[in-house]
């Protein structure tokens, strides 16, 4: 940590490191862990129409592209 690192800069650096560790496609469990919410809440979130996801035809699996999730997260975090 240098003297020029403000708390805001450190938070952004931590967020970037956390994003780097995400797989290219996320599961609902990955979303739950990243956001620090329970799995039930993550399923409710992913079920929302505006949440970025790919529904696999014929099966109940949902895939969340990392890039779309990060865009959604940055656009919805305050």
N, C-alpha and C. Protein backbone atom coordinates (compact mmCIF):
# COMPACT_ATOMS: atom_id res chain seq x y z
N UNK A 1 0.85 -1.18 0.00
CA UNK A 1 0.00 0.00 0.00
C UNK A 1 0.89 1.24 0.00
N UNK A 2 0.61 2.12 -0.91
CA UNK A 2 1.39 3.36 -0.96
C UNK A 2 0.60 4.48 -0.31
N UNK A 3 1.27 5.59 -0.13
CA UNK A 3 0.65 6.74 0.53
C UNK A 3 -0.46 7.35 -0.32
N UNK A 4 -0.45 7.09 -1.64
CA UNK A 4 -1.47 7.66 -2.53
C UNK A 4 -2.72 6.78 -2.62
N UNK A 5 -2.67 5.59 -2.03
CA UNK A 5 -3.83 4.71 -2.08
C UNK A 5 -4.90 5.18 -1.10
N UNK A 6 -5.99 5.68 -1.65
CA UNK A 6 -7.11 6.10 -0.83
C UNK A 6 -7.99 4.88 -0.56
N UNK A 7 -8.87 4.94 0.40
CA UNK A 7 -9.77 3.81 0.63
C UNK A 7 -10.57 3.45 -0.63
N UNK A 8 -10.97 4.45 -1.40
CA UNK A 8 -11.73 4.19 -2.63
C UNK A 8 -10.89 3.41 -3.64
N UNK A 9 -9.63 3.78 -3.79
CA UNK A 9 -8.73 3.07 -4.71
C UNK A 9 -8.53 1.64 -4.24
N UNK A 10 -8.36 1.45 -2.96
CA UNK A 10 -8.16 0.10 -2.42
C UNK A 10 -9.38 -0.78 -2.64
N UNK A 11 -10.58 -0.21 -2.46
CA UNK A 11 -11.81 -0.97 -2.68
C UNK A 11 -11.92 -1.37 -4.15
N UNK A 12 -11.59 -0.45 -5.05
CA UNK A 12 -11.64 -0.76 -6.48
C UNK A 12 -10.63 -1.84 -6.85
N UNK A 13 -9.45 -1.79 -6.25
CA UNK A 13 -8.43 -2.82 -6.52
C UNK A 13 -8.90 -4.18 -6.02
N UNK A 14 -9.50 -4.21 -4.83
CA UNK A 14 -10.02 -5.46 -4.28
C UNK A 14 -11.13 -6.02 -5.17
N UNK A 15 -12.01 -5.14 -5.66
CA UNK A 15 -13.09 -5.56 -6.54
C UNK A 15 -12.53 -6.15 -7.83
N UNK A 16 -11.53 -5.50 -8.41
CA UNK A 16 -10.93 -6.00 -9.66
C UNK A 16 -10.30 -7.38 -9.44
N UNK A 17 -9.64 -7.57 -8.31
CA UNK A 17 -9.05 -8.88 -8.00
C UNK A 17 -10.14 -9.94 -7.85
N UNK A 18 -11.24 -9.57 -7.20
CA UNK A 18 -12.35 -10.50 -7.01
C UNK A 18 -12.97 -10.87 -8.36
N UNK A 19 -13.12 -9.89 -9.25
CA UNK A 19 -13.68 -10.14 -10.58
C UNK A 19 -12.76 -11.07 -11.38
N UNK A 20 -11.45 -10.86 -11.27
CA UNK A 20 -10.49 -11.69 -12.01
C UNK A 20 -10.62 -13.17 -11.65
N UNK A 21 -11.02 -13.47 -10.43
CA UNK A 21 -11.10 -14.87 -9.99
C UNK A 21 -12.37 -15.57 -10.47
N UNK A 22 -13.32 -14.82 -11.01
CA UNK A 22 -14.56 -15.43 -11.47
C UNK A 22 -14.31 -16.25 -12.74
N UNK A 23 -15.02 -17.37 -12.88
CA UNK A 23 -14.92 -18.14 -14.13
C UNK A 23 -15.61 -17.38 -15.28
N UNK A 24 -15.38 -17.79 -16.50
CA UNK A 24 -15.95 -17.11 -17.67
C UNK A 24 -17.48 -17.22 -17.71
N UNK A 25 -18.00 -18.32 -17.21
CA UNK A 25 -19.45 -18.46 -17.05
C UNK A 25 -19.72 -18.79 -15.59
N UNK A 26 -20.71 -18.13 -15.04
CA UNK A 26 -21.02 -18.28 -13.63
C UNK A 26 -22.27 -19.12 -13.42
N UNK A 27 -22.32 -19.73 -12.25
CA UNK A 27 -23.52 -20.43 -11.81
C UNK A 27 -24.23 -19.52 -10.80
N UNK A 28 -25.42 -19.92 -10.41
CA UNK A 28 -26.13 -19.17 -9.38
C UNK A 28 -25.32 -19.19 -8.09
N UNK A 29 -24.66 -20.28 -7.82
CA UNK A 29 -23.82 -20.38 -6.62
C UNK A 29 -22.66 -19.38 -6.68
N UNK A 30 -22.07 -19.20 -7.87
CA UNK A 30 -21.00 -18.21 -8.04
C UNK A 30 -21.52 -16.80 -7.75
N UNK A 31 -22.70 -16.49 -8.26
CA UNK A 31 -23.31 -15.18 -8.05
C UNK A 31 -23.55 -14.98 -6.55
N UNK A 32 -24.07 -16.00 -5.90
CA UNK A 32 -24.32 -15.95 -4.47
C UNK A 32 -23.04 -15.62 -3.70
N UNK A 33 -21.97 -16.32 -4.02
CA UNK A 33 -20.71 -16.09 -3.33
C UNK A 33 -20.13 -14.72 -3.60
N UNK A 34 -20.19 -14.27 -4.84
CA UNK A 34 -19.64 -12.97 -5.20
C UNK A 34 -20.38 -11.84 -4.49
N UNK A 35 -21.71 -11.93 -4.47
CA UNK A 35 -22.52 -10.87 -3.88
C UNK A 35 -22.66 -11.01 -2.37
N UNK A 36 -22.30 -12.16 -1.83
CA UNK A 36 -22.42 -12.37 -0.39
C UNK A 36 -23.87 -12.51 0.06
N UNK A 37 -24.68 -13.15 -0.79
CA UNK A 37 -26.08 -13.37 -0.45
C UNK A 37 -26.35 -14.86 -0.41
N UNK A 38 -27.46 -15.24 0.22
CA UNK A 38 -27.78 -16.67 0.31
C UNK A 38 -28.20 -17.19 -1.07
N UNK A 39 -28.15 -18.48 -1.22
CA UNK A 39 -28.46 -19.11 -2.50
C UNK A 39 -29.91 -18.84 -2.91
N UNK A 40 -30.82 -18.84 -1.96
CA UNK A 40 -32.23 -18.55 -2.27
C UNK A 40 -32.38 -17.16 -2.85
N UNK A 41 -31.70 -16.18 -2.26
CA UNK A 41 -31.76 -14.80 -2.78
C UNK A 41 -31.13 -14.71 -4.16
N UNK A 42 -30.06 -15.46 -4.37
CA UNK A 42 -29.40 -15.46 -5.68
C UNK A 42 -30.32 -16.03 -6.75
N UNK A 43 -31.05 -17.11 -6.43
CA UNK A 43 -32.01 -17.67 -7.39
C UNK A 43 -33.11 -16.66 -7.72
N UNK A 44 -33.58 -15.93 -6.71
CA UNK A 44 -34.60 -14.91 -6.96
C UNK A 44 -34.06 -13.79 -7.84
N UNK A 45 -32.82 -13.40 -7.59
CA UNK A 45 -32.18 -12.36 -8.40
C UNK A 45 -32.03 -12.80 -9.85
N UNK A 46 -31.52 -13.99 -10.04
CA UNK A 46 -31.29 -14.51 -11.40
C UNK A 46 -32.61 -14.68 -12.15
N UNK A 47 -33.69 -14.93 -11.43
CA UNK A 47 -35.00 -15.11 -12.08
C UNK A 47 -35.58 -13.80 -12.60
N UNK A 48 -35.05 -12.67 -12.16
CA UNK A 48 -35.57 -11.38 -12.63
C UNK A 48 -35.29 -11.21 -14.13
N UNK A 49 -36.23 -10.59 -14.82
CA UNK A 49 -36.13 -10.42 -16.27
C UNK A 49 -34.90 -9.64 -16.71
N UNK A 50 -34.49 -8.64 -15.91
CA UNK A 50 -33.38 -7.78 -16.34
C UNK A 50 -32.01 -8.34 -15.95
N UNK A 51 -31.97 -9.50 -15.31
CA UNK A 51 -30.69 -10.09 -14.94
C UNK A 51 -30.11 -10.85 -16.13
N UNK A 52 -28.82 -10.64 -16.45
CA UNK A 52 -28.23 -11.29 -17.63
C UNK A 52 -27.98 -12.78 -17.41
N UNK A 53 -28.61 -13.58 -18.25
CA UNK A 53 -28.46 -15.03 -18.13
C UNK A 53 -28.78 -15.71 -19.45
N UNK A 54 -28.32 -16.93 -19.55
CA UNK A 54 -28.66 -17.77 -20.70
C UNK A 54 -29.35 -19.00 -20.14
N UNK A 55 -30.59 -19.20 -20.55
CA UNK A 55 -31.33 -20.38 -20.11
C UNK A 55 -31.04 -21.50 -21.10
N UNK A 56 -30.65 -22.64 -20.58
CA UNK A 56 -30.35 -23.78 -21.42
C UNK A 56 -31.66 -24.47 -21.81
N UNK A 57 -31.94 -24.60 -23.10
CA UNK A 57 -33.21 -25.20 -23.54
C UNK A 57 -33.34 -26.64 -23.06
N UNK A 58 -34.53 -26.96 -22.59
CA UNK A 58 -34.83 -28.33 -22.20
C UNK A 58 -34.34 -28.74 -20.82
N UNK A 59 -33.52 -27.92 -20.20
CA UNK A 59 -33.06 -28.21 -18.85
C UNK A 59 -33.20 -26.97 -17.99
N UNK A 60 -33.09 -27.13 -16.71
CA UNK A 60 -33.30 -26.00 -15.80
C UNK A 60 -32.03 -25.22 -15.52
N UNK A 61 -30.96 -25.55 -16.18
CA UNK A 61 -29.68 -24.89 -15.91
C UNK A 61 -29.66 -23.47 -16.47
N UNK A 62 -29.07 -22.58 -15.69
CA UNK A 62 -28.91 -21.19 -16.08
C UNK A 62 -27.41 -20.88 -16.06
N UNK A 63 -26.93 -20.24 -17.11
CA UNK A 63 -25.53 -19.84 -17.21
C UNK A 63 -25.48 -18.31 -17.26
N UNK A 64 -24.56 -17.75 -16.51
CA UNK A 64 -24.42 -16.29 -16.48
C UNK A 64 -23.05 -15.93 -17.05
N UNK A 65 -23.00 -15.28 -18.22
CA UNK A 65 -21.71 -14.88 -18.78
C UNK A 65 -21.02 -13.85 -17.86
N UNK A 66 -19.75 -14.06 -17.57
CA UNK A 66 -19.00 -13.19 -16.67
C UNK A 66 -19.07 -11.73 -17.10
N UNK A 67 -18.83 -11.45 -18.36
CA UNK A 67 -18.78 -10.06 -18.83
C UNK A 67 -20.13 -9.38 -18.62
N UNK A 68 -21.22 -10.08 -18.89
CA UNK A 68 -22.56 -9.51 -18.72
C UNK A 68 -22.87 -9.31 -17.24
N UNK A 69 -22.43 -10.27 -16.40
CA UNK A 69 -22.64 -10.13 -14.96
C UNK A 69 -21.89 -8.92 -14.42
N UNK A 70 -20.65 -8.76 -14.83
CA UNK A 70 -19.84 -7.63 -14.35
C UNK A 70 -20.47 -6.31 -14.81
N UNK A 71 -20.94 -6.24 -16.05
CA UNK A 71 -21.61 -5.03 -16.53
C UNK A 71 -22.85 -4.75 -15.69
N UNK A 72 -23.65 -5.81 -15.43
CA UNK A 72 -24.84 -5.65 -14.61
C UNK A 72 -24.45 -5.17 -13.20
N UNK A 73 -23.46 -5.79 -12.62
CA UNK A 73 -23.03 -5.43 -11.27
C UNK A 73 -22.57 -3.98 -11.18
N UNK A 74 -21.73 -3.57 -12.10
CA UNK A 74 -21.23 -2.20 -12.09
C UNK A 74 -22.36 -1.18 -12.34
N UNK A 75 -23.34 -1.57 -13.12
CA UNK A 75 -24.46 -0.69 -13.40
C UNK A 75 -25.49 -0.63 -12.29
N UNK A 76 -25.45 -1.60 -11.38
CA UNK A 76 -26.44 -1.66 -10.31
C UNK A 76 -25.88 -1.45 -8.92
N UNK A 77 -24.57 -1.30 -8.80
CA UNK A 77 -23.99 -1.06 -7.48
C UNK A 77 -23.82 0.43 -7.27
N UNK A 78 -24.08 0.86 -6.08
CA UNK A 78 -23.96 2.31 -5.79
C UNK A 78 -22.98 2.54 -4.70
